[in-house]
Amino acid sequence: MKATRRSLLLTCLAAVVALLVIACNTTTSQSPADGATATIRVGSKDFTEQFILGEMYALALENADIQVERKLNLGGTPVAQAALTSGEIDLYPEYTGTGLLTVLKLPSSSDRQAVYETVVTEYESQFELTWLDPSPMNNTQALAMTRTKAEELNITSISDMAAQASDLVLIGPPEFEVREDGLPGIQAAYGNFTLKEYKAVDSGLRYKGLVDGEADVVVAFGTDGEISAFDLVLLEDDQELFPPYQVAPVVRQDVLEANPAIADALNAIAPLLTDEVMQALNYEVSGNQREPSDVARDFLVSQGILAADS
């Protein structure tokens, strides 16, 4: 009787061990290290446009029957890039100019195609990351004025502004006053002009300060929603100081190889995002206080990427 019980116990133990081995082997074959992730982790930086784009990417992937985990609002470029290279996330929206200057620390260029080709090549060789298709939108750093003030002073370019700088108040975030690609860079490229005043404010208050008459010129970005909402004039960067800032998904190569449907799903969004479209979408969030997820979903539905009842 004891021998029978012992034999039965050994048989049960062997079965349990076999099941554990199978489970461990299954888990290993699907581990994130080899790219075969069951869930694609979509990240974003920490501002309105990135929230919208991150939601768009997530929704498009889910529509392609890819399971998604949202890891939005990570922080600035260094944080998002580190999360991608360390494997904490699998993809996020990045800008070509940011990749060129901030990540790769290469010289600026105004040639869109050359900048894109450079970041594609260098990201692949240095980080094993792939840039998908870029959108036509250009979220470049810029200066803007109200149409009334620009026409009154006959200012259409940064050179025009520099010529009258001693009579002008520029409003923007504190860091713009010291960044190399901010005011010091503009002054170096446009003749070391001196402003009447640089008014440093929280980034969210700069447009209010402009339209309320507290300043003549505002630090802007090309796809800010306030540009179209307030009918502002973007000053021409006639010395071509700033590189193009086209947005595109940047994806870990191993993840893309294991999940090639990612490219088709996200590349379908790229041509839809122009300056005017992105300005309008951004203002839905920053001006009309809508949720980025709702704005992203409504846009993808309107473009036929998602079904209305999805």
C-alpha atoms as a PDB file:
ATOM      1  CA  MET A   1       0.000   0.000   0.000  1.00  0.00           C
ATOM      2  CA  LYS A   2       2.834   2.386   0.929  1.00  0.00           C
ATOM      3  CA  ALA A   3       4.648   1.553  -2.295  1.00  0.00           C
ATOM      4  CA  THR A   4       1.541   2.362  -4.301  1.00  0.00           C
ATOM      5  CA  ARG A   5       1.130   5.731  -2.586  1.00  0.00           C
ATOM      6  CA  ARG A   6       4.805   6.523  -3.088  1.00  0.00           C
ATOM      7  CA  SER A   7       4.543   5.687  -6.784  1.00  0.00           C
ATOM      8  CA  LEU A   8       1.451   7.869  -7.174  1.00  0.00           C
ATOM      9  CA  LEU A   9       3.167  10.778  -5.402  1.00  0.00           C
ATOM     10  CA  LEU A  10       6.225  10.536  -7.630  1.00  0.00           C
ATOM     11  CA  THR A  11       4.014  10.467 -10.733  1.00  0.00           C
ATOM     12  CA  CYS A  12       2.188  13.626  -9.603  1.00  0.00           C
ATOM     13  CA  LEU A  13       5.452  15.424  -8.830  1.00  0.00           C
ATOM     14  CA  ALA A  14       6.817  14.550 -12.258  1.00  0.00           C
ATOM     15  CA  ALA A  15       3.687  15.961 -13.898  1.00  0.00           C
ATOM     16  CA  VAL A  16       3.963  19.214 -11.942  1.00  0.00           C
ATOM     17  CA  VAL A  17       7.647  19.608 -12.880  1.00  0.00           C
ATOM     18  CA  ALA A  18       6.829  19.008 -16.554  1.00  0.00           C
ATOM     19  CA  LEU A  19       4.131  21.693 -16.471  1.00  0.00           C
ATOM     20  CA  LEU A  20       6.512  24.178 -14.814  1.00  0.00           C
ATOM     21  CA  VAL A  21       9.173  23.534 -17.458  1.00  0.00           C
ATOM     22  CA  ILE A  22       6.646  24.123 -20.241  1.00  0.00           C
ATOM     23  CA  ALA A  23       5.432  27.337 -18.602  1.00  0.00           C
ATOM     24  CA  CYS A  24       8.968  28.656 -18.136  1.00  0.00           C
ATOM     25  CA  ASN A  25       9.902  27.875 -21.722  1.00  0.00           C
ATOM     26  CA  THR A  26       6.766  29.623 -22.982  1.00  0.00           C
ATOM     27  CA  THR A  27       7.505  32.728 -20.932  1.00  0.00           C
ATOM     28  CA  THR A  28      11.081  32.850 -22.169  1.00  0.00           C
ATOM     29  CA  SER A  29      10.074  32.644 -25.835  1.00  0.00           C
ATOM     30  CA  GLN A  30       7.841  35.680 -25.402  1.00  0.00           C
ATOM     31  CA  SER A  31      10.185  37.804 -23.312  1.00  0.00           C
ATOM     32  CA  PRO A  32      10.682  41.476 -24.260  1.00  0.00           C
ATOM     33  CA  ALA A  33      14.415  40.855 -24.700  1.00  0.00           C
ATOM     34  CA  ASP A  34      13.928  39.105 -28.063  1.00  0.00           C
ATOM     35  CA  GLY A  35      11.346  41.598 -29.276  1.00  0.00           C
ATOM     36  CA  ALA A  36       8.424  39.174 -29.161  1.00  0.00           C
ATOM     37  CA  THR A  37       6.420  41.274 -26.763  1.00  0.00           C
ATOM     38  CA  ALA A  38       2.826  40.345 -26.177  1.00  0.00           C
ATOM     39  CA  THR A  39       2.114  44.011 -25.412  1.00  0.00           C
ATOM     40  CA  ILE A  40       3.555  47.069 -27.188  1.00  0.00           C
ATOM     41  CA  ARG A  41       4.419  49.830 -24.744  1.00  0.00           C
ATOM     42  CA  VAL A  42       3.722  53.268 -26.226  1.00  0.00           C
ATOM     43  CA  GLY A  43       5.402  56.245 -24.559  1.00  0.00           C
ATOM     44  CA  SER A  44       5.305  60.006 -24.974  1.00  0.00           C
ATOM     45  CA  LYS A  45       6.943  63.135 -23.632  1.00  0.00           C
ATOM     46  CA  ASP A  46       5.219  65.523 -21.269  1.00  0.00           C
ATOM     47  CA  PHE A  47       3.269  68.064 -23.332  1.00  0.00           C
ATOM     48  CA  THR A  48      -0.065  68.337 -25.137  1.00  0.00           C
ATOM     49  CA  GLU A  49       1.012  67.378 -28.654  1.00  0.00           C
ATOM     50  CA  GLN A  50       2.831  64.313 -27.381  1.00  0.00           C
ATOM     51  CA  PHE A  51      -0.212  63.156 -25.429  1.00  0.00           C
ATOM     52  CA  ILE A  52      -2.339  63.377 -28.581  1.00  0.00           C
ATOM     53  CA  LEU A  53       0.238  61.617 -30.759  1.00  0.00           C
ATOM     54  CA  GLY A  54       0.842  58.907 -28.177  1.00  0.00           C
ATOM     55  CA  GLU A  55      -2.894  58.232 -28.008  1.00  0.00           C
ATOM     56  CA  MET A  56      -3.112  58.151 -31.813  1.00  0.00           C
ATOM     57  CA  TYR A  57      -0.335  55.581 -31.993  1.00  0.00           C
ATOM     58  CA  ALA A  58      -1.913  53.463 -29.268  1.00  0.00           C
ATOM     59  CA  LEU A  59      -5.366  53.556 -30.866  1.00  0.00           C
ATOM     60  CA  ALA A  60      -4.031  52.697 -34.318  1.00  0.00           C
ATOM     61  CA  LEU A  61      -2.105  49.736 -32.941  1.00  0.00           C
ATOM     62  CA  GLU A  62      -5.125  48.479 -31.017  1.00  0.00           C
ATOM     63  CA  ASN A  63      -7.149  48.795 -34.218  1.00  0.00           C
ATOM     64  CA  ALA A  64      -4.580  46.466 -35.822  1.00  0.00           C
ATOM     65  CA  ASP A  65      -5.254  43.908 -33.060  1.00  0.00           C
ATOM     66  CA  ILE A  66      -2.031  44.702 -31.233  1.00  0.00           C
ATOM     67  CA  GLN A  67      -2.234  44.835 -27.454  1.00  0.00           C
ATOM     68  CA  VAL A  68      -0.998  48.159 -26.072  1.00  0.00           C
ATOM     69  CA  GLU A  69       0.175  49.531 -22.757  1.00  0.00           C
ATOM     70  CA  ARG A  70       0.204  53.328 -22.534  1.00  0.00           C
ATOM     71  CA  LYS A  71       3.198  54.867 -20.756  1.00  0.00           C
ATOM     72  CA  LEU A  72       2.569  58.501 -21.647  1.00  0.00           C
ATOM     73  CA  ASN A  73       3.849  61.684 -19.977  1.00  0.00           C
ATOM     74  CA  LEU A  74       7.307  60.258 -19.261  1.00  0.00           C
ATOM     75  CA  GLY A  75       9.143  63.588 -19.221  1.00  0.00           C
ATOM     76  CA  GLY A  76      11.474  65.432 -21.583  1.00  0.00           C
ATOM     77  CA  THR A  77      13.583  64.083 -24.437  1.00  0.00           C
ATOM     78  CA  PRO A  78      16.403  62.559 -22.305  1.00  0.00           C
ATOM     79  CA  VAL A  79      13.866  60.634 -20.211  1.00  0.00           C
ATOM     80  CA  ALA A  80      11.894  59.336 -23.213  1.00  0.00           C
ATOM     81  CA  GLN A  81      15.046  58.372 -25.107  1.00  0.00           C
ATOM     82  CA  ALA A  82      16.442  56.536 -22.073  1.00  0.00           C
ATOM     83  CA  ALA A  83      13.153  54.676 -21.605  1.00  0.00           C
ATOM     84  CA  LEU A  84      13.302  53.554 -25.240  1.00  0.00           C
ATOM     85  CA  THR A  85      16.926  52.424 -25.260  1.00  0.00           C
ATOM     86  CA  SER A  86      16.556  50.617 -21.932  1.00  0.00           C
ATOM     87  CA  GLY A  87      13.477  48.715 -23.103  1.00  0.00           C
ATOM     88  CA  GLU A  88      11.037  50.360 -20.695  1.00  0.00           C
ATOM     89  CA  ILE A  89       8.971  51.416 -23.729  1.00  0.00           C
ATOM     90  CA  ASP A  90       8.880  50.139 -27.307  1.00  0.00           C
ATOM     91  CA  LEU A  91       8.116  53.321 -29.241  1.00  0.00           C
ATOM     92  CA  TYR A  92       7.256  57.002 -28.891  1.00  0.00           C
ATOM     93  CA  PRO A  93       6.809  60.091 -31.133  1.00  0.00           C
ATOM     94  CA  GLU A  94      10.001  62.048 -31.705  1.00  0.00           C
ATOM     95  CA  TYR A  95      10.979  65.064 -33.813  1.00  0.00           C
ATOM     96  CA  THR A  96      13.735  64.952 -36.434  1.00  0.00           C
ATOM     97  CA  GLY A  97      15.316  68.205 -35.251  1.00  0.00           C
ATOM     98  CA  THR A  98      15.309  67.010 -31.646  1.00  0.00           C
ATOM     99  CA  GLY A  99      16.925  63.754 -32.684  1.00  0.00           C
ATOM    100  CA  LEU A 100      19.578  65.642 -34.629  1.00  0.00           C
ATOM    101  CA  LEU A 101      20.452  68.310 -32.051  1.00  0.00           C
ATOM    102  CA  THR A 102      19.462  66.966 -28.625  1.00  0.00           C
ATOM    103  CA  VAL A 103      20.063  63.229 -28.960  1.00  0.00           C
ATOM    104  CA  LEU A 104      22.801  62.977 -31.586  1.00  0.00           C
ATOM    105  CA  LYS A 105      24.279  66.436 -30.870  1.00  0.00           C
ATOM    106  CA  LEU A 106      25.031  67.013 -34.557  1.00  0.00           C
ATOM    107  CA  PRO A 107      25.148  70.347 -36.406  1.00  0.00           C
ATOM    108  CA  SER A 108      21.872  71.922 -37.453  1.00  0.00           C
ATOM    109  CA  SER A 109      20.548  71.734 -41.007  1.00  0.00           C
ATOM    110  CA  SER A 110      17.465  73.170 -42.704  1.00  0.00           C
ATOM    111  CA  ASP A 111      17.249  70.314 -45.251  1.00  0.00           C
ATOM    112  CA  ARG A 112      14.291  68.129 -44.247  1.00  0.00           C
ATOM    113  CA  GLN A 113      15.362  65.058 -46.194  1.00  0.00           C
ATOM    114  CA  ALA A 114      18.975  65.285 -45.082  1.00  0.00           C
ATOM    115  CA  VAL A 115      17.972  65.639 -41.429  1.00  0.00           C
ATOM    116  CA  TYR A 116      15.594  62.665 -41.651  1.00  0.00           C
ATOM    117  CA  GLU A 117      18.177  60.473 -43.383  1.00  0.00           C
ATOM    118  CA  THR A 118      20.786  61.412 -40.781  1.00  0.00           C
ATOM    119  CA  VAL A 119      18.620  60.489 -37.797  1.00  0.00           C
ATOM    120  CA  VAL A 120      17.508  57.261 -39.489  1.00  0.00           C
ATOM    121  CA  THR A 121      21.107  56.164 -40.103  1.00  0.00           C
ATOM    122  CA  GLU A 122      22.534  57.250 -36.757  1.00  0.00           C
ATOM    123  CA  TYR A 123      19.688  55.891 -34.613  1.00  0.00           C
ATOM    124  CA  GLU A 124      20.015  52.499 -36.312  1.00  0.00           C
ATOM    125  CA  SER A 125      23.774  52.315 -35.881  1.00  0.00           C
ATOM    126  CA  GLN A 126      24.008  53.813 -32.393  1.00  0.00           C
ATOM    127  CA  PHE A 127      20.824  52.666 -30.686  1.00  0.00           C
ATOM    128  CA  GLU A 128      19.230  49.922 -32.846  1.00  0.00           C
ATOM    129  CA  LEU A 129      16.157  52.121 -33.206  1.00  0.00           C
ATOM    130  CA  THR A 130      14.060  52.653 -36.349  1.00  0.00           C
ATOM    131  CA  TRP A 131      12.372  55.859 -37.490  1.00  0.00           C
ATOM    132  CA  LEU A 132       9.091  55.230 -39.325  1.00  0.00           C
ATOM    133  CA  ASP A 133       7.594  57.681 -41.854  1.00  0.00           C
ATOM    134  CA  PRO A 134       7.731  61.388 -40.865  1.00  0.00           C
ATOM    135  CA  SER A 135       4.690  63.642 -41.011  1.00  0.00           C
ATOM    136  CA  PRO A 136       4.716  66.855 -43.083  1.00  0.00           C
ATOM    137  CA  MET A 137       4.045  68.917 -39.937  1.00  0.00           C
ATOM    138  CA  ASN A 138       6.968  70.908 -38.575  1.00  0.00           C
ATOM    139  CA  ASN A 139       6.887  71.680 -34.874  1.00  0.00           C
ATOM    140  CA  THR A 140       9.879  73.964 -35.193  1.00  0.00           C
ATOM    141  CA  GLN A 141      10.868  76.540 -32.627  1.00  0.00           C
ATOM    142  CA  ALA A 142       9.667  79.934 -33.818  1.00  0.00           C
ATOM    143  CA  LEU A 143       8.738  83.497 -32.962  1.00  0.00           C
ATOM    144  CA  ALA A 144       5.224  84.838 -33.522  1.00  0.00           C
ATOM    145  CA  MET A 145       3.305  88.114 -33.339  1.00  0.00           C
ATOM    146  CA  THR A 146      -0.310  89.162 -33.494  1.00  0.00           C
ATOM    147  CA  ARG A 147      -1.270  89.987 -37.061  1.00  0.00           C
ATOM    148  CA  THR A 148      -2.152  93.541 -36.040  1.00  0.00           C
ATOM    149  CA  LYS A 149       1.249  94.233 -34.458  1.00  0.00           C
ATOM    150  CA  ALA A 150       3.200  92.522 -37.260  1.00  0.00           C
ATOM    151  CA  GLU A 151       1.419  94.588 -39.921  1.00  0.00           C
ATOM    152  CA  GLU A 152       1.725  97.791 -37.888  1.00  0.00           C
ATOM    153  CA  LEU A 153       5.523  97.362 -37.611  1.00  0.00           C
ATOM    154  CA  ASN A 154       5.943  95.706 -41.020  1.00  0.00           C
ATOM    155  CA  ILE A 155       7.629  92.656 -39.503  1.00  0.00           C
ATOM    156  CA  THR A 156       7.471  89.356 -41.410  1.00  0.00           C
ATOM    157  CA  SER A 157      10.829  87.748 -40.555  1.00  0.00           C
ATOM    158  CA  ILE A 158      13.176  87.334 -37.607  1.00  0.00           C
ATOM    159  CA  SER A 159      15.574  89.703 -39.379  1.00  0.00           C
ATOM    160  CA  ASP A 160      12.836  92.355 -39.407  1.00  0.00           C
ATOM    161  CA  MET A 161      12.263  91.775 -35.703  1.00  0.00           C
ATOM    162  CA  ALA A 162      15.982  91.964 -34.919  1.00  0.00           C
ATOM    163  CA  ALA A 163      16.186  95.347 -36.641  1.00  0.00           C
ATOM    164  CA  GLN A 164      13.544  96.734 -34.264  1.00  0.00           C
ATOM    165  CA  ALA A 165      14.463  94.613 -31.234  1.00  0.00           C
ATOM    166  CA  SER A 166      15.323  97.529 -28.961  1.00  0.00           C
ATOM    167  CA  ASP A 167      11.665  98.579 -29.053  1.00  0.00           C
ATOM    168  CA  LEU A 168      10.197  95.082 -28.617  1.00  0.00           C
ATOM    169  CA  VAL A 169       9.268  92.899 -25.633  1.00  0.00           C
ATOM    170  CA  LEU A 170       9.689  89.140 -26.175  1.00  0.00           C
ATOM    171  CA  ILE A 171       7.749  86.767 -23.926  1.00  0.00           C
ATOM    172  CA  GLY A 172       8.585  83.111 -23.387  1.00  0.00           C
ATOM    173  CA  PRO A 173       9.652  80.422 -20.915  1.00  0.00           C
ATOM    174  CA  PRO A 174      12.659  81.126 -18.638  1.00  0.00           C
ATOM    175  CA  GLU A 175      14.907  78.515 -20.270  1.00  0.00           C
ATOM    176  CA  PHE A 176      14.606  80.169 -23.703  1.00  0.00           C
ATOM    177  CA  GLU A 177      16.660  83.096 -22.430  1.00  0.00           C
ATOM    178  CA  VAL A 178      19.710  80.890 -21.816  1.00  0.00           C
ATOM    179  CA  ARG A 179      19.436  77.895 -24.175  1.00  0.00           C
ATOM    180  CA  GLU A 180      21.892  77.780 -27.077  1.00  0.00           C
ATOM    181  CA  ASP A 181      19.014  77.141 -29.471  1.00  0.00           C
ATOM    182  CA  GLY A 182      16.971  79.883 -27.792  1.00  0.00           C
ATOM    183  CA  LEU A 183      17.600  83.609 -27.502  1.00  0.00           C
ATOM    184  CA  PRO A 184      21.429  83.390 -27.495  1.00  0.00           C
ATOM    185  CA  GLY A 185      21.321  81.353 -30.705  1.00  0.00           C
ATOM    186  CA  ILE A 186      18.932  83.800 -32.365  1.00  0.00           C
ATOM    187  CA  GLN A 187      21.078  86.747 -31.312  1.00  0.00           C
ATOM    188  CA  ALA A 188      24.198  85.087 -32.716  1.00  0.00           C
ATOM    189  CA  ALA A 189      22.502  84.274 -36.028  1.00  0.00           C
ATOM    190  CA  TYR A 190      20.679  87.600 -36.412  1.00  0.00           C
ATOM    191  CA  GLY A 191      23.229  90.219 -35.405  1.00  0.00           C
ATOM    192  CA  ASN A 192      23.574  90.220 -31.604  1.00  0.00           C
ATOM    193  CA  PHE A 193      20.546  92.482 -31.164  1.00  0.00           C
ATOM    194  CA  THR A 194      19.340  93.681 -27.756  1.00  0.00           C
ATOM    195  CA  LEU A 195      15.679  93.451 -26.786  1.00  0.00           C
ATOM    196  CA  LYS A 196      13.794  96.097 -24.887  1.00  0.00           C
ATOM    197  CA  GLU A 197      12.879  93.287 -22.476  1.00  0.00           C
ATOM    198  CA  TYR A 198      12.685  89.510 -22.261  1.00  0.00           C
ATOM    199  CA  LYS A 199       9.670  88.616 -20.144  1.00  0.00           C
ATOM    200  CA  ALA A 200      10.103  85.140 -18.653  1.00  0.00           C
ATOM    201  CA  VAL A 201       6.826  83.419 -17.773  1.00  0.00           C
ATOM    202  CA  ASP A 202       5.449  79.926 -17.337  1.00  0.00           C
ATOM    203  CA  SER A 203       5.100  78.334 -20.763  1.00  0.00           C
ATOM    204  CA  GLY A 204       1.322  78.138 -20.420  1.00  0.00           C
ATOM    205  CA  LEU A 205       1.042  81.914 -19.912  1.00  0.00           C
ATOM    206  CA  ARG A 206       3.081  83.167 -22.875  1.00  0.00           C
ATOM    207  CA  TYR A 207       0.209  83.410 -25.391  1.00  0.00           C
ATOM    208  CA  LYS A 208      -2.066  85.104 -22.890  1.00  0.00           C
ATOM    209  CA  GLY A 209       0.678  87.661 -22.284  1.00  0.00           C
ATOM    210  CA  LEU A 210       0.968  88.313 -26.014  1.00  0.00           C
ATOM    211  CA  VAL A 211      -2.738  88.758 -26.751  1.00  0.00           C
ATOM    212  CA  ASP A 212      -3.192  90.836 -23.581  1.00  0.00           C
ATOM    213  CA  GLY A 213      -0.594  93.284 -24.885  1.00  0.00           C
ATOM    214  CA  GLU A 214       2.123  92.531 -22.323  1.00  0.00           C
ATOM    215  CA  ALA A 215       4.575  91.668 -25.115  1.00  0.00           C
ATOM    216  CA  ASP A 216       5.107  92.213 -28.822  1.00  0.00           C
ATOM    217  CA  VAL A 217       6.610  88.837 -29.771  1.00  0.00           C
ATOM    218  CA  VAL A 218       6.130  85.360 -28.321  1.00  0.00           C
ATOM    219  CA  VAL A 219       8.288  82.235 -28.280  1.00  0.00           C
ATOM    220  CA  ALA A 220       6.261  79.693 -30.226  1.00  0.00           C
ATOM    221  CA  PHE A 221       6.346  76.244 -31.764  1.00  0.00           C
ATOM    222  CA  GLY A 222       5.094  75.669 -35.282  1.00  0.00           C
ATOM    223  CA  THR A 223       2.143  73.465 -34.353  1.00  0.00           C
ATOM    224  CA  ASP A 224       0.925  75.301 -31.242  1.00  0.00           C
ATOM    225  CA  GLY A 225      -2.863  75.492 -31.304  1.00  0.00           C
ATOM    226  CA  GLU A 226      -2.844  79.145 -30.326  1.00  0.00           C
ATOM    227  CA  ILE A 227      -1.229  80.149 -33.636  1.00  0.00           C
ATOM    228  CA  SER A 228      -4.366  79.424 -35.642  1.00  0.00           C
ATOM    229  CA  ALA A 229      -6.795  80.145 -32.802  1.00  0.00           C
ATOM    230  CA  PHE A 230      -5.441  83.694 -32.324  1.00  0.00           C
ATOM    231  CA  ASP A 231      -4.521  84.231 -36.010  1.00  0.00           C
ATOM    232  CA  LEU A 232      -0.864  84.818 -35.166  1.00  0.00           C
ATOM    233  CA  VAL A 233       1.912  85.412 -37.691  1.00  0.00           C
ATOM    234  CA  LEU A 234       4.928  83.094 -37.550  1.00  0.00           C
ATOM    235  CA  LEU A 235       8.051  85.080 -38.362  1.00  0.00           C
ATOM    236  CA  GLU A 236      10.149  83.632 -41.171  1.00  0.00           C
ATOM    237  CA  ASP A 237      13.425  82.102 -40.005  1.00  0.00           C
ATOM    238  CA  ASP A 238      15.221  83.716 -42.946  1.00  0.00           C
ATOM    239  CA  GLN A 239      18.707  82.783 -41.674  1.00  0.00           C
ATOM    240  CA  GLU A 240      17.554  79.143 -41.375  1.00  0.00           C
ATOM    241  CA  LEU A 241      18.671  78.850 -37.778  1.00  0.00           C
ATOM    242  CA  PHE A 242      16.249  76.121 -36.744  1.00  0.00           C
ATOM    243  CA  PRO A 243      16.219  72.613 -38.242  1.00  0.00           C
ATOM    244  CA  PRO A 244      12.953  70.934 -39.273  1.00  0.00           C
ATOM    245  CA  TYR A 245      11.036  69.202 -36.493  1.00  0.00           C
ATOM    246  CA  GLN A 246       8.952  66.595 -38.310  1.00  0.00           C
ATOM    247  CA  VAL A 247       7.388  63.997 -36.061  1.00  0.00           C
ATOM    248  CA  ALA A 248       7.646  60.240 -36.543  1.00  0.00           C
ATOM    249  CA  PRO A 249       7.379  57.097 -34.411  1.00  0.00           C
ATOM    250  CA  VAL A 250      10.745  55.787 -33.222  1.00  0.00           C
ATOM    251  CA  VAL A 251      10.627  52.045 -32.535  1.00  0.00           C
ATOM    252  CA  ARG A 252      12.992  49.469 -31.095  1.00  0.00           C
ATOM    253  CA  GLN A 253      14.278  47.384 -34.019  1.00  0.00           C
ATOM    254  CA  ASP A 254      13.782  44.020 -32.332  1.00  0.00           C
ATOM    255  CA  VAL A 255      10.179  44.897 -31.503  1.00  0.00           C
ATOM    256  CA  LEU A 256       9.471  46.053 -35.054  1.00  0.00           C
ATOM    257  CA  GLU A 257      10.994  42.890 -36.536  1.00  0.00           C
ATOM    258  CA  ALA A 258       8.855  40.743 -34.260  1.00  0.00           C
ATOM    259  CA  ASN A 259       5.735  42.872 -34.870  1.00  0.00           C
ATOM    260  CA  PRO A 260       5.942  44.225 -38.469  1.00  0.00           C
ATOM    261  CA  ALA A 261       2.274  45.293 -38.427  1.00  0.00           C
ATOM    262  CA  ILE A 262       3.382  48.255 -36.288  1.00  0.00           C
ATOM    263  CA  ALA A 263       4.840  50.008 -39.337  1.00  0.00           C
ATOM    264  CA  ASP A 264       1.699  49.722 -41.460  1.00  0.00           C
ATOM    265  CA  ALA A 265      -0.546  50.917 -38.634  1.00  0.00           C
ATOM    266  CA  LEU A 266       1.533  53.982 -37.752  1.00  0.00           C
ATOM    267  CA  ASN A 267       2.700  54.954 -41.231  1.00  0.00           C
ATOM    268  CA  ALA A 268      -0.962  55.353 -42.207  1.00  0.00           C
ATOM    269  CA  ILE A 269      -1.196  58.286 -39.773  1.00  0.00           C
ATOM    270  CA  ALA A 270       1.940  60.126 -40.944  1.00  0.00           C
ATOM    271  CA  PRO A 271       0.643  61.934 -44.084  1.00  0.00           C
ATOM    272  CA  LEU A 272      -2.462  63.173 -42.254  1.00  0.00           C
ATOM    273  CA  LEU A 273      -0.577  65.403 -39.810  1.00  0.00           C
ATOM    274  CA  THR A 274       0.066  68.823 -41.347  1.00  0.00           C
ATOM    275  CA  ASP A 275       0.853  72.037 -39.454  1.00  0.00           C
ATOM    276  CA  GLU A 276      -2.765  73.193 -39.704  1.00  0.00           C
ATOM    277  CA  VAL A 277      -4.185  69.851 -38.589  1.00  0.00           C
ATOM    278  CA  MET A 278      -1.864  69.584 -35.601  1.00  0.00           C
ATOM    279  CA  GLN A 279      -2.511  73.177 -34.561  1.00  0.00           C
ATOM    280  CA  ALA A 280      -6.251  72.483 -34.521  1.00  0.00           C
ATOM    281  CA  LEU A 281      -5.852  69.230 -32.583  1.00  0.00           C
ATOM    282  CA  ASN A 282      -3.552  70.847 -30.022  1.00  0.00           C
ATOM    283  CA  TYR A 283      -6.011  73.674 -29.428  1.00  0.00           C
ATOM    284  CA  GLU A 284      -8.815  71.199 -28.788  1.00  0.00           C
ATOM    285  CA  VAL A 285      -6.812  70.180 -25.720  1.00  0.00           C
ATOM    286  CA  SER A 286      -5.013  73.380 -24.674  1.00  0.00           C
ATOM    287  CA  GLY A 287      -7.846  75.774 -25.568  1.00  0.00           C
ATOM    288  CA  ASN A 288     -11.059  73.771 -25.369  1.00  0.00           C
ATOM    289  CA  GLN A 289      -9.891  71.580 -22.494  1.00  0.00           C
ATOM    290  CA  ARG A 290     -10.750  68.269 -24.140  1.00  0.00           C
ATOM    291  CA  GLU A 291      -9.031  65.012 -23.257  1.00  0.00           C
ATOM    292  CA  PRO A 292      -6.148  64.060 -25.596  1.00  0.00           C
ATOM    293  CA  SER A 293      -7.558  60.535 -25.956  1.00  0.00           C
ATOM    294  CA  ASP A 294     -10.914  61.875 -27.166  1.00  0.00           C
ATOM    295  CA  VAL A 295      -9.270  64.298 -29.592  1.00  0.00           C
ATOM    296  CA  ALA A 296      -7.042  61.540 -30.979  1.00  0.00           C
ATOM    297  CA  ARG A 297      -9.928  59.090 -31.386  1.00  0.00           C
ATOM    298  CA  ASP A 298     -12.222  61.618 -33.076  1.00  0.00           C
ATOM    299  CA  PHE A 299      -9.498  62.555 -35.543  1.00  0.00           C
ATOM    300  CA  LEU A 300      -8.711  58.943 -36.467  1.00  0.00           C
ATOM    301  CA  VAL A 301     -12.410  58.256 -36.932  1.00  0.00           C
ATOM    302  CA  SER A 302     -12.785  61.329 -39.162  1.00  0.00           C
ATOM    303  CA  GLN A 303      -9.893  60.066 -41.320  1.00  0.00           C
ATOM    304  CA  GLY A 304     -11.232  56.528 -41.620  1.00  0.00           C
ATOM    305  CA  ILE A 305      -8.422  54.974 -39.579  1.00  0.00           C
ATOM    306  CA  LEU A 306     -10.907  53.886 -36.890  1.00  0.00           C
ATOM    307  CA  ALA A 307     -14.533  52.899 -37.231  1.00  0.00           C
ATOM    308  CA  ALA A 308     -17.004  55.267 -35.608  1.00  0.00           C
ATOM    309  CA  ASP A 309     -18.147  52.605 -33.150  1.00  0.00           C
ATOM    310  CA  SER A 310     -14.658  51.385 -32.253  1.00  0.00           C
END
